[in-house]
């Protein structure tokens, strides 16, 4: 009988942010250093309601190993999470719950809509299904698919990491960001 081999996962190597470098020192901006630390220590809160949640479980398992991206610590408390991952069909009655969970998260916070149902209501164009969670909370990254493969979810995580890494510390105080939050009724 042949030996079954498990695919080896390669370690993720983080590149230093742009800066000045010399013998024995490295200098960069505070924005870049904080962005690098935040991007590699995201704590996701999974809000899974249907089949996309099963694919997320596969993403957390050994074959795909989301821990390689610094997101191995799932948080089921909004106050200890900074990434809301909404996965699956969201009924209109659940919209206020998603919004409340989002509001309980500390700033800075980000949102991923995983799958067709969370992004646009999917195949359920009915009176009871919310046609996209962007009706109740702002979304940073959309992951397409019905359900999306674990590779697609990992791609969404890397997109969030790029957003977090390059986000200015002052972005959340900008008039554009304040206007976006005001359009959702969030102060």
Protein backbone atom coordinates (compact mmCIF):
# COMPACT_ATOMS: atom_id res chain seq x y z
CA UNK A 1 0.00 0.00 0.00
CA UNK A 2 1.17 3.48 -0.79
CA UNK A 3 1.80 6.03 1.89
CA UNK A 4 -0.74 8.85 2.01
CA UNK A 5 1.05 12.15 2.24
CA UNK A 6 -0.45 15.31 3.57
CA UNK A 7 0.30 18.51 1.62
CA UNK A 8 2.82 20.65 3.47
CA UNK A 9 1.77 24.20 4.17
CA UNK A 10 4.48 26.74 3.53
CA UNK A 11 5.12 29.32 6.24
CA UNK A 12 3.92 32.83 5.53
CA UNK A 13 6.81 35.27 5.60
CA UNK A 14 5.91 38.84 6.37
CA UNK A 15 7.81 41.48 4.44
CA UNK A 16 9.09 44.51 6.29
CA UNK A 17 7.18 47.70 5.54
CA UNK A 18 8.92 50.37 3.45
CA UNK A 19 11.41 52.35 5.48
CA UNK A 20 15.01 53.29 6.05
CA UNK A 21 17.37 50.45 6.70
CA UNK A 22 20.99 50.32 7.74
CA UNK A 23 23.37 48.23 9.77
CA UNK A 24 21.65 47.61 13.08
CA UNK A 25 18.55 49.76 12.55
CA UNK A 26 15.27 49.95 10.69
CA UNK A 27 12.93 52.96 10.66
CA UNK A 28 9.43 53.23 9.23
CA UNK A 29 6.26 55.23 9.85
CA UNK A 30 3.92 54.44 12.72
CA UNK A 31 1.08 53.80 10.23
CA UNK A 32 3.08 51.03 8.53
CA UNK A 33 4.21 49.37 11.78
CA UNK A 34 0.69 49.38 13.29
CA UNK A 35 -0.80 48.20 9.98
CA UNK A 36 1.62 45.29 9.81
CA UNK A 37 0.83 44.23 13.39
CA UNK A 38 -2.94 44.51 12.87
CA UNK A 39 -2.92 42.68 9.54
CA UNK A 40 -1.17 39.65 11.02
CA UNK A 41 -3.31 39.38 14.15
CA UNK A 42 -6.92 39.59 12.97
CA UNK A 43 -9.48 38.02 15.32
CA UNK A 44 -12.53 36.96 13.27
CA UNK A 45 -16.05 36.57 14.62
CA UNK A 46 -17.86 34.00 12.44
CA UNK A 47 -21.58 34.73 12.00
CA UNK A 48 -22.52 31.59 10.07
CA UNK A 49 -26.09 30.59 9.33
CA UNK A 50 -26.01 27.98 6.57
CA UNK A 51 -23.79 26.14 4.06
CA UNK A 52 -21.12 28.87 3.92
CA UNK A 53 -20.46 28.16 7.59
CA UNK A 54 -19.57 24.55 6.70
CA UNK A 55 -17.05 25.78 4.13
CA UNK A 56 -15.63 28.10 6.79
CA UNK A 57 -15.16 25.08 9.07
CA UNK A 58 -13.13 23.45 6.29
CA UNK A 59 -11.09 26.66 6.00
CA UNK A 60 -10.19 26.46 9.68
CA UNK A 61 -9.26 22.76 9.45
CA UNK A 62 -5.79 21.35 8.87
CA UNK A 63 -5.88 21.19 5.06
CA UNK A 64 -6.34 24.95 4.58
CA UNK A 65 -5.25 26.18 8.02
CA UNK A 66 -6.36 29.79 8.38
CA UNK A 67 -3.96 30.02 11.33
CA UNK A 68 -1.15 30.64 8.83
CA UNK A 69 -2.63 34.09 8.31
CA UNK A 70 -2.69 35.06 11.99
CA UNK A 71 -6.42 34.38 12.35
CA UNK A 72 -6.44 31.15 14.33
CA UNK A 73 -8.13 32.66 17.34
CA UNK A 74 -11.84 32.78 16.58
CA UNK A 75 -13.74 35.11 18.83
CA UNK A 76 -17.35 34.47 19.68
CA UNK A 77 -17.56 37.70 21.64
CA UNK A 78 -17.98 40.88 19.57
CA UNK A 79 -15.97 42.88 22.09
CA UNK A 80 -12.90 40.74 21.42
CA UNK A 81 -13.14 40.60 17.62
CA UNK A 82 -12.17 42.99 14.86
CA UNK A 83 -13.38 41.10 11.77
CA UNK A 84 -17.05 40.19 11.33
CA UNK A 85 -17.43 37.31 8.88
CA UNK A 86 -21.09 37.02 7.84
CA UNK A 87 -21.65 33.70 6.11
CA UNK A 88 -24.93 32.40 4.77
CA UNK A 89 -28.53 33.47 4.45
CA UNK A 90 -29.52 36.37 6.67
CA UNK A 91 -33.24 36.76 7.30
CA UNK A 92 -34.60 40.30 7.62
CA UNK A 93 -35.36 39.60 11.28
CA UNK A 94 -31.65 38.84 11.79
CA UNK A 95 -30.52 42.14 10.23
CA UNK A 96 -30.78 44.05 13.53
CA UNK A 97 -28.81 41.28 15.27
CA UNK A 98 -25.97 41.53 12.72
CA UNK A 99 -26.01 45.31 13.19
CA UNK A 100 -25.92 44.99 16.99
CA UNK A 101 -22.99 42.56 16.83
CA UNK A 102 -21.18 45.00 14.51
CA UNK A 103 -21.80 47.93 16.86
CA UNK A 104 -20.49 45.96 19.85
CA UNK A 105 -17.15 45.42 18.13
CA UNK A 106 -14.36 47.84 19.00
CA UNK A 107 -12.84 50.11 16.37
CA UNK A 108 -11.15 49.44 14.04
CA UNK A 109 -13.46 46.76 12.69
CA UNK A 110 -13.88 45.16 9.30
CA UNK A 111 -16.58 43.05 7.62
CA UNK A 112 -16.45 40.21 5.08
CA UNK A 113 -19.63 39.02 3.34
CA UNK A 114 -18.98 35.36 2.52
CA UNK A 115 -21.10 33.74 -0.18
CA UNK A 116 -23.90 34.82 -2.44
CA UNK A 117 -26.56 34.92 0.30
CA UNK A 118 -24.66 37.32 2.58
CA UNK A 119 -23.57 39.43 -0.38
CA UNK A 120 -26.84 39.73 -2.29
CA UNK A 121 -29.50 37.41 -0.91
CA UNK A 122 -28.38 34.61 -3.26
CA UNK A 123 -31.13 32.55 -4.85
CA UNK A 124 -33.56 33.58 -2.12
CA UNK A 125 -35.26 36.63 -3.63
CA UNK A 126 -38.08 36.51 -1.10
CA UNK A 127 -39.76 38.86 1.33
CA UNK A 128 -38.02 37.30 4.34
CA UNK A 129 -34.37 37.31 3.19
CA UNK A 130 -32.12 40.34 3.49
CA UNK A 131 -30.79 41.11 0.02
CA UNK A 132 -27.22 41.71 1.15
CA UNK A 133 -25.82 42.60 4.56
CA UNK A 134 -24.61 45.91 3.16
CA UNK A 135 -28.15 47.09 3.85
CA UNK A 136 -27.38 47.04 7.61
CA UNK A 137 -23.56 47.24 7.98
CA UNK A 138 -20.76 48.47 5.70
CA UNK A 139 -18.89 45.63 3.97
CA UNK A 140 -15.17 45.75 3.20
CA UNK A 141 -14.71 42.52 1.18
CA UNK A 142 -17.21 40.35 -0.70
CA UNK A 143 -16.36 36.66 -1.24
CA UNK A 144 -18.40 35.25 -4.15
CA UNK A 145 -19.67 31.70 -4.45
CA UNK A 146 -22.52 29.46 -3.46
CA UNK A 147 -20.93 28.23 -1.24
CA UNK A 148 -17.43 29.59 -1.78
CA UNK A 149 -14.51 27.19 -1.63
CA UNK A 150 -12.06 27.49 1.28
CA UNK A 151 -9.50 28.96 -1.13
CA UNK A 152 -11.90 31.81 -1.86
CA UNK A 153 -12.42 32.47 1.85
CA UNK A 154 -8.64 32.55 2.35
CA UNK A 155 -8.41 35.00 -0.55
CA UNK A 156 -10.96 37.21 1.21
CA UNK A 157 -8.83 37.07 4.38
CA UNK A 158 -5.74 38.14 2.42
CA UNK A 159 -7.72 41.01 0.86
CA UNK A 160 -8.72 42.15 4.37
CA UNK A 161 -5.08 41.88 5.45
CA UNK A 162 -4.01 44.14 2.57
CA UNK A 163 -6.73 46.64 3.49
CA UNK A 164 -5.71 46.59 7.17
CA UNK A 165 -2.00 46.83 6.37
CA UNK A 166 -2.42 49.88 4.12
CA UNK A 167 -5.12 51.70 6.09
CA UNK A 168 -4.09 55.04 7.53
CA UNK A 169 -4.54 55.49 11.26
CA UNK A 170 -6.44 58.70 10.47
CA UNK A 171 -8.87 57.13 7.96
CA UNK A 172 -11.54 56.51 10.57
CA UNK A 173 -11.56 60.22 11.45
CA UNK A 174 -11.90 61.37 7.84
CA UNK A 175 -15.07 63.14 6.67
CA UNK A 176 -15.65 60.40 4.05
CA UNK A 177 -15.61 57.66 6.68
CA UNK A 178 -17.84 59.69 9.01
CA UNK A 179 -20.31 60.20 6.13
CA UNK A 180 -20.29 56.45 5.40
CA UNK A 181 -21.07 55.63 9.04
CA UNK A 182 -23.77 58.32 9.12
CA UNK A 183 -25.41 56.75 6.04
CA UNK A 184 -25.81 53.57 8.14
CA UNK A 185 -27.02 55.54 11.15
CA UNK A 186 -23.85 54.78 13.10
CA UNK A 187 -22.19 57.52 15.12
